[in-house]
Amino acid sequence: QVQLVESGGGLVQAGGSLRLSCAVSTSIFSFTSMGWHRQAPGKQRELVARIGRGGSGGIINYADSVKGRATVSRDNARNTVYLQMNSLKPEDTAVYYCAATWPGGTNVWGQGTQVTVSS
């Protein structure tokens, strides 16, 4: 069974930064893409960032709300995906989930890590 474990969340001041990590129990090349999603209370889970097998040289997508503030990257040797978030805003407060997408489109999810941004 594939397992994803997020870490790096916490409480930060508005304008601060966090680096989230997602450690995967198998080769991340098993998946067509790795992604970060977030869910705030009472809201739908939304895509934050997605990175394909090609890494920085390939397909990378960001939600408009984080574009320019977030950077997704991957370390294939460590089977780890990162989300660097800068200039954090209170509206970034959410549980952040790592997702691995199989070639067939099915997602495997991590347990989530809480990000809280104070004003």
N, C-alpha and C. Protein backbone atom coordinates (compact mmCIF):
# COMPACT_ATOMS: atom_id res chain seq x y z
N GLN A 1 0.83 -1.19 0.00
CA GLN A 1 0.00 0.00 0.00
C GLN A 1 0.88 1.25 0.00
N VAL A 2 0.53 2.19 -0.85
CA VAL A 2 1.25 3.44 -0.92
C VAL A 2 0.83 4.33 0.23
N GLN A 3 1.81 4.93 0.88
CA GLN A 3 1.53 5.85 1.97
C GLN A 3 2.20 7.18 1.71
N LEU A 4 1.47 8.24 2.00
CA LEU A 4 1.96 9.60 1.88
C LEU A 4 1.88 10.25 3.26
N VAL A 5 2.96 10.87 3.69
CA VAL A 5 3.01 11.49 5.00
C VAL A 5 3.44 12.94 4.84
N GLU A 6 2.53 13.84 5.18
CA GLU A 6 2.83 15.27 5.12
C GLU A 6 3.44 15.75 6.42
N SER A 7 4.25 16.78 6.31
CA SER A 7 4.82 17.42 7.48
C SER A 7 5.14 18.87 7.14
N GLY A 8 5.42 19.65 8.15
CA GLY A 8 5.85 21.02 7.95
C GLY A 8 4.80 22.08 8.22
N GLY A 9 3.58 21.65 8.50
CA GLY A 9 2.55 22.62 8.81
C GLY A 9 2.77 23.23 10.18
N GLY A 10 1.99 24.24 10.47
CA GLY A 10 2.09 24.89 11.76
C GLY A 10 1.43 26.24 11.74
N LEU A 11 1.71 27.00 12.78
CA LEU A 11 1.17 28.35 12.93
C LEU A 11 2.21 29.36 12.50
N VAL A 12 1.84 30.22 11.58
CA VAL A 12 2.74 31.25 11.09
C VAL A 12 2.02 32.59 11.04
N GLN A 13 2.80 33.63 11.10
CA GLN A 13 2.28 34.98 11.00
C GLN A 13 2.05 35.34 9.53
N ALA A 14 1.04 36.14 9.28
CA ALA A 14 0.80 36.62 7.92
C ALA A 14 2.07 37.25 7.37
N GLY A 15 2.37 36.91 6.13
CA GLY A 15 3.59 37.37 5.50
C GLY A 15 4.76 36.41 5.65
N GLY A 16 4.59 35.42 6.49
CA GLY A 16 5.64 34.44 6.72
C GLY A 16 5.63 33.34 5.69
N SER A 17 6.46 32.33 5.94
CA SER A 17 6.65 31.24 4.99
C SER A 17 6.60 29.89 5.68
N LEU A 18 6.23 28.89 4.91
CA LEU A 18 6.28 27.50 5.34
C LEU A 18 6.75 26.64 4.19
N ARG A 19 7.39 25.54 4.54
CA ARG A 19 7.75 24.54 3.55
C ARG A 19 7.14 23.21 3.97
N LEU A 20 6.17 22.75 3.22
CA LEU A 20 5.53 21.48 3.48
C LEU A 20 6.25 20.37 2.74
N SER A 21 6.30 19.20 3.36
CA SER A 21 6.93 18.05 2.75
C SER A 21 5.94 16.90 2.67
N CYS A 22 6.07 16.10 1.64
CA CYS A 22 5.27 14.90 1.46
C CYS A 22 6.20 13.75 1.15
N ALA A 23 6.35 12.85 2.11
CA ALA A 23 7.19 11.68 1.93
C ALA A 23 6.34 10.52 1.45
N VAL A 24 6.76 9.91 0.36
CA VAL A 24 6.00 8.84 -0.28
C VAL A 24 6.75 7.52 -0.11
N SER A 25 6.00 6.46 0.11
CA SER A 25 6.60 5.17 0.45
C SER A 25 7.10 4.39 -0.75
N THR A 26 6.92 4.91 -1.94
CA THR A 26 7.40 4.25 -3.15
C THR A 26 7.91 5.31 -4.11
N SER A 27 8.46 4.87 -5.21
CA SER A 27 8.97 5.79 -6.22
C SER A 27 7.86 6.72 -6.70
N ILE A 28 8.14 8.00 -6.67
CA ILE A 28 7.12 8.94 -7.12
C ILE A 28 6.98 8.94 -8.63
N PHE A 29 7.88 8.25 -9.33
CA PHE A 29 7.70 8.05 -10.76
C PHE A 29 6.59 7.05 -11.06
N SER A 30 6.08 6.39 -10.03
CA SER A 30 4.93 5.52 -10.22
C SER A 30 3.69 6.31 -10.63
N PHE A 31 3.71 7.60 -10.36
CA PHE A 31 2.53 8.43 -10.51
C PHE A 31 2.71 9.43 -11.64
N THR A 32 1.60 9.76 -12.28
CA THR A 32 1.66 10.74 -13.35
C THR A 32 1.94 12.13 -12.82
N SER A 33 1.50 12.39 -11.59
CA SER A 33 1.75 13.69 -10.99
C SER A 33 1.63 13.58 -9.48
N MET A 34 2.20 14.56 -8.81
CA MET A 34 2.05 14.75 -7.38
C MET A 34 1.42 16.11 -7.17
N GLY A 35 0.58 16.20 -6.16
CA GLY A 35 -0.10 17.46 -5.95
C GLY A 35 -0.30 17.80 -4.50
N TRP A 36 -0.61 19.05 -4.29
CA TRP A 36 -1.01 19.57 -2.99
C TRP A 36 -2.40 20.15 -3.11
N HIS A 37 -3.25 19.78 -2.17
CA HIS A 37 -4.61 20.30 -2.09
C HIS A 37 -4.82 20.82 -0.68
N ARG A 38 -5.82 21.66 -0.52
CA ARG A 38 -6.13 22.15 0.81
C ARG A 38 -7.64 22.22 1.01
N GLN A 39 -8.03 22.15 2.27
CA GLN A 39 -9.43 22.22 2.61
C GLN A 39 -9.59 23.01 3.89
N ALA A 40 -10.32 24.10 3.79
CA ALA A 40 -10.67 24.90 4.94
C ALA A 40 -12.03 24.45 5.46
N PRO A 41 -12.31 24.68 6.75
CA PRO A 41 -13.60 24.28 7.30
C PRO A 41 -14.77 24.85 6.50
N GLY A 42 -15.71 23.99 6.16
CA GLY A 42 -16.89 24.41 5.43
C GLY A 42 -16.69 24.65 3.96
N LYS A 43 -15.50 24.38 3.46
CA LYS A 43 -15.21 24.62 2.05
C LYS A 43 -14.80 23.33 1.35
N GLN A 44 -14.89 23.35 0.03
CA GLN A 44 -14.47 22.22 -0.78
C GLN A 44 -12.95 22.12 -0.80
N ARG A 45 -12.48 20.89 -0.94
CA ARG A 45 -11.06 20.70 -1.13
C ARG A 45 -10.67 21.27 -2.50
N GLU A 46 -9.57 22.00 -2.54
CA GLU A 46 -9.15 22.64 -3.77
C GLU A 46 -7.70 22.34 -4.07
N LEU A 47 -7.40 22.31 -5.34
CA LEU A 47 -6.02 22.12 -5.78
C LEU A 47 -5.21 23.37 -5.48
N VAL A 48 -4.03 23.17 -4.92
CA VAL A 48 -3.09 24.25 -4.69
C VAL A 48 -1.99 24.23 -5.74
N ALA A 49 -1.38 23.07 -5.94
CA ALA A 49 -0.29 22.94 -6.89
C ALA A 49 -0.17 21.50 -7.33
N ARG A 50 0.32 21.32 -8.55
CA ARG A 50 0.53 19.99 -9.09
C ARG A 50 1.83 19.99 -9.88
N ILE A 51 2.59 18.91 -9.76
CA ILE A 51 3.84 18.79 -10.49
C ILE A 51 3.90 17.42 -11.14
N GLY A 52 4.25 17.41 -12.41
CA GLY A 52 4.33 16.17 -13.16
C GLY A 52 5.67 15.48 -13.00
N ARG A 53 5.81 14.38 -13.71
CA ARG A 53 7.04 13.59 -13.64
C ARG A 53 8.27 14.38 -14.07
N GLY A 54 8.09 15.33 -14.95
CA GLY A 54 9.21 16.10 -15.47
C GLY A 54 9.75 17.13 -14.51
N GLY A 55 9.14 17.30 -13.36
CA GLY A 55 9.61 18.26 -12.40
C GLY A 55 9.55 19.68 -12.95
N SER A 56 10.54 20.47 -12.60
CA SER A 56 10.54 21.86 -13.00
C SER A 56 10.62 22.04 -14.51
N GLY A 57 11.10 21.03 -15.21
CA GLY A 57 11.16 21.09 -16.66
C GLY A 57 9.90 20.63 -17.35
N GLY A 58 8.93 20.20 -16.57
CA GLY A 58 7.69 19.68 -17.12
C GLY A 58 6.48 20.49 -16.71
N ILE A 59 5.40 19.80 -16.49
CA ILE A 59 4.12 20.44 -16.22
C ILE A 59 4.01 20.79 -14.73
N ILE A 60 3.74 22.05 -14.46
CA ILE A 60 3.48 22.53 -13.11
C ILE A 60 2.26 23.43 -13.16
N ASN A 61 1.34 23.21 -12.26
CA ASN A 61 0.13 24.02 -12.18
C ASN A 61 -0.05 24.57 -10.78
N TYR A 62 -0.56 25.79 -10.72
CA TYR A 62 -0.86 26.43 -9.45
C TYR A 62 -2.25 27.02 -9.49
N ALA A 63 -2.91 27.00 -8.34
CA ALA A 63 -4.14 27.74 -8.21
C ALA A 63 -3.85 29.23 -8.33
N ASP A 64 -4.79 29.96 -8.91
CA ASP A 64 -4.60 31.40 -9.06
C ASP A 64 -4.35 32.08 -7.72
N SER A 65 -4.96 31.55 -6.67
CA SER A 65 -4.87 32.17 -5.36
C SER A 65 -3.47 32.09 -4.75
N VAL A 66 -2.64 31.17 -5.24
CA VAL A 66 -1.30 31.01 -4.68
C VAL A 66 -0.21 31.29 -5.69
N LYS A 67 -0.57 31.54 -6.93
CA LYS A 67 0.42 31.77 -7.97
C LYS A 67 1.30 32.96 -7.60
N GLY A 68 2.59 32.76 -7.70
CA GLY A 68 3.54 33.78 -7.32
C GLY A 68 3.99 33.69 -5.88
N ARG A 69 3.28 32.93 -5.07
CA ARG A 69 3.62 32.77 -3.67
C ARG A 69 4.01 31.34 -3.32
N ALA A 70 3.62 30.39 -4.16
CA ALA A 70 3.87 28.98 -3.89
C ALA A 70 4.79 28.39 -4.94
N THR A 71 5.62 27.47 -4.49
CA THR A 71 6.51 26.74 -5.39
C THR A 71 6.46 25.26 -5.02
N VAL A 72 6.07 24.44 -5.97
CA VAL A 72 6.06 23.00 -5.76
C VAL A 72 7.30 22.40 -6.42
N SER A 73 7.91 21.46 -5.74
CA SER A 73 9.11 20.83 -6.26
C SER A 73 9.13 19.37 -5.84
N ARG A 74 10.03 18.61 -6.42
CA ARG A 74 10.13 17.20 -6.08
C ARG A 74 11.58 16.77 -6.04
N ASP A 75 11.85 15.85 -5.14
CA ASP A 75 13.16 15.23 -5.02
C ASP A 75 12.93 13.74 -5.26
N ASN A 76 13.21 13.32 -6.47
CA ASN A 76 12.91 11.94 -6.85
C ASN A 76 13.74 10.93 -6.07
N ALA A 77 14.98 11.29 -5.75
CA ALA A 77 15.84 10.38 -5.00
C ALA A 77 15.30 10.11 -3.61
N ARG A 78 14.64 11.10 -3.04
CA ARG A 78 14.09 10.96 -1.69
C ARG A 78 12.60 10.64 -1.71
N ASN A 79 12.01 10.51 -2.89
CA ASN A 79 10.57 10.25 -3.02
C ASN A 79 9.77 11.25 -2.19
N THR A 80 10.13 12.50 -2.33
CA THR A 80 9.52 13.55 -1.54
C THR A 80 9.11 14.71 -2.43
N VAL A 81 7.97 15.28 -2.12
CA VAL A 81 7.45 16.45 -2.82
C VAL A 81 7.31 17.58 -1.81
N TYR A 82 7.61 18.78 -2.25
CA TYR A 82 7.59 19.93 -1.36
C TYR A 82 6.64 21.00 -1.87
N LEU A 83 6.14 21.77 -0.94
CA LEU A 83 5.38 22.97 -1.27
C LEU A 83 5.93 24.11 -0.42
N GLN A 84 6.63 25.02 -1.07
CA GLN A 84 7.11 26.22 -0.42
C GLN A 84 6.07 27.31 -0.58
N MET A 85 5.62 27.87 0.51
CA MET A 85 4.64 28.95 0.46
C MET A 85 5.19 30.17 1.16
N ASN A 86 5.19 31.27 0.45
CA ASN A 86 5.67 32.54 0.97
C ASN A 86 4.53 33.54 1.01
N SER A 87 4.78 34.64 1.69
CA SER A 87 3.78 35.71 1.79
C SER A 87 2.42 35.16 2.19
N LEU A 88 2.42 34.33 3.20
CA LEU A 88 1.20 33.65 3.60
C LEU A 88 0.14 34.63 4.08
N LYS A 89 -1.10 34.29 3.78
CA LYS A 89 -2.25 35.09 4.13
C LYS A 89 -3.18 34.29 5.03
N PRO A 90 -3.99 34.96 5.84
CA PRO A 90 -4.95 34.21 6.67
C PRO A 90 -5.84 33.28 5.85
N GLU A 91 -6.18 33.64 4.64
CA GLU A 91 -7.01 32.79 3.81
C GLU A 91 -6.31 31.53 3.33
N ASP A 92 -5.01 31.43 3.57
CA ASP A 92 -4.29 30.19 3.29
C ASP A 92 -4.51 29.15 4.38
N THR A 93 -5.14 29.53 5.47
CA THR A 93 -5.38 28.62 6.56
C THR A 93 -6.25 27.45 6.10
N ALA A 94 -5.76 26.24 6.28
CA ALA A 94 -6.46 25.04 5.83
C ALA A 94 -5.64 23.83 6.23
N VAL A 95 -6.25 22.67 6.06
CA VAL A 95 -5.50 21.42 6.11
C VAL A 95 -4.97 21.16 4.71
N TYR A 96 -3.69 20.95 4.61
CA TYR A 96 -3.05 20.71 3.33
C TYR A 96 -2.78 19.22 3.15
N TYR A 97 -3.22 18.69 2.02
CA TYR A 97 -3.11 17.27 1.72
C TYR A 97 -2.20 17.04 0.53
N CYS A 98 -1.36 16.05 0.64
CA CYS A 98 -0.57 15.60 -0.48
C CYS A 98 -1.36 14.54 -1.25
N ALA A 99 -1.23 14.54 -2.55
CA ALA A 99 -1.91 13.55 -3.38
C ALA A 99 -0.97 13.01 -4.45
N ALA A 100 -1.06 11.72 -4.66
CA ALA A 100 -0.33 11.05 -5.74
C ALA A 100 -1.35 10.50 -6.71
N THR A 101 -1.19 10.82 -7.99
CA THR A 101 -2.15 10.41 -8.99
C THR A 101 -1.61 9.27 -9.83
N TRP A 102 -2.31 8.15 -9.79
CA TRP A 102 -1.96 7.01 -10.64
C TRP A 102 -2.22 7.33 -12.09
N PRO A 103 -1.56 6.61 -13.02
CA PRO A 103 -1.82 6.85 -14.45
C PRO A 103 -3.30 6.76 -14.81
N GLY A 104 -4.06 5.92 -14.14
CA GLY A 104 -5.48 5.80 -14.42
C GLY A 104 -6.33 6.92 -13.86
N GLY A 105 -5.75 7.81 -13.07
CA GLY A 105 -6.46 8.96 -12.55
C GLY A 105 -6.85 8.89 -11.09
N THR A 106 -6.67 7.74 -10.46
CA THR A 106 -7.02 7.60 -9.06
C THR A 106 -5.99 8.27 -8.17
N ASN A 107 -6.45 8.97 -7.15
CA ASN A 107 -5.57 9.66 -6.22
C ASN A 107 -5.37 8.86 -4.94
N VAL A 108 -4.15 8.92 -4.43
CA VAL A 108 -3.83 8.45 -3.09
C VAL A 108 -3.54 9.68 -2.25
N TRP A 109 -4.14 9.74 -1.07
CA TRP A 109 -4.06 10.93 -0.23
C TRP A 109 -3.26 10.69 1.03
N GLY A 110 -2.59 11.73 1.48
CA GLY A 110 -1.98 11.72 2.79
C GLY A 110 -2.99 12.10 3.85
N GLN A 111 -2.54 12.14 5.09
CA GLN A 111 -3.44 12.42 6.21
C GLN A 111 -3.67 13.91 6.42
N GLY A 112 -2.85 14.74 5.82
CA GLY A 112 -2.99 16.17 5.93
C GLY A 112 -2.13 16.79 7.01
N THR A 113 -1.78 18.04 6.81
CA THR A 113 -1.06 18.81 7.81
C THR A 113 -1.71 20.19 7.91
N GLN A 114 -1.91 20.64 9.13
CA GLN A 114 -2.62 21.89 9.37
C GLN A 114 -1.70 23.08 9.17
N VAL A 115 -2.17 24.04 8.40
CA VAL A 115 -1.50 25.33 8.24
C VAL A 115 -2.44 26.40 8.77
N THR A 116 -1.97 27.17 9.72
CA THR A 116 -2.75 28.26 10.28
C THR A 116 -1.95 29.55 10.15
N VAL A 117 -2.54 30.54 9.54
CA VAL A 117 -1.88 31.82 9.32
C VAL A 117 -2.63 32.88 10.12
N SER A 118 -1.94 33.50 11.03
CA SER A 118 -2.55 34.52 11.87
C SER A 118 -2.42 35.88 11.21
N SER A 119 -3.40 36.73 11.47
CA SER A 119 -3.40 38.06 10.90
C SER A 119 -2.61 39.04 11.76
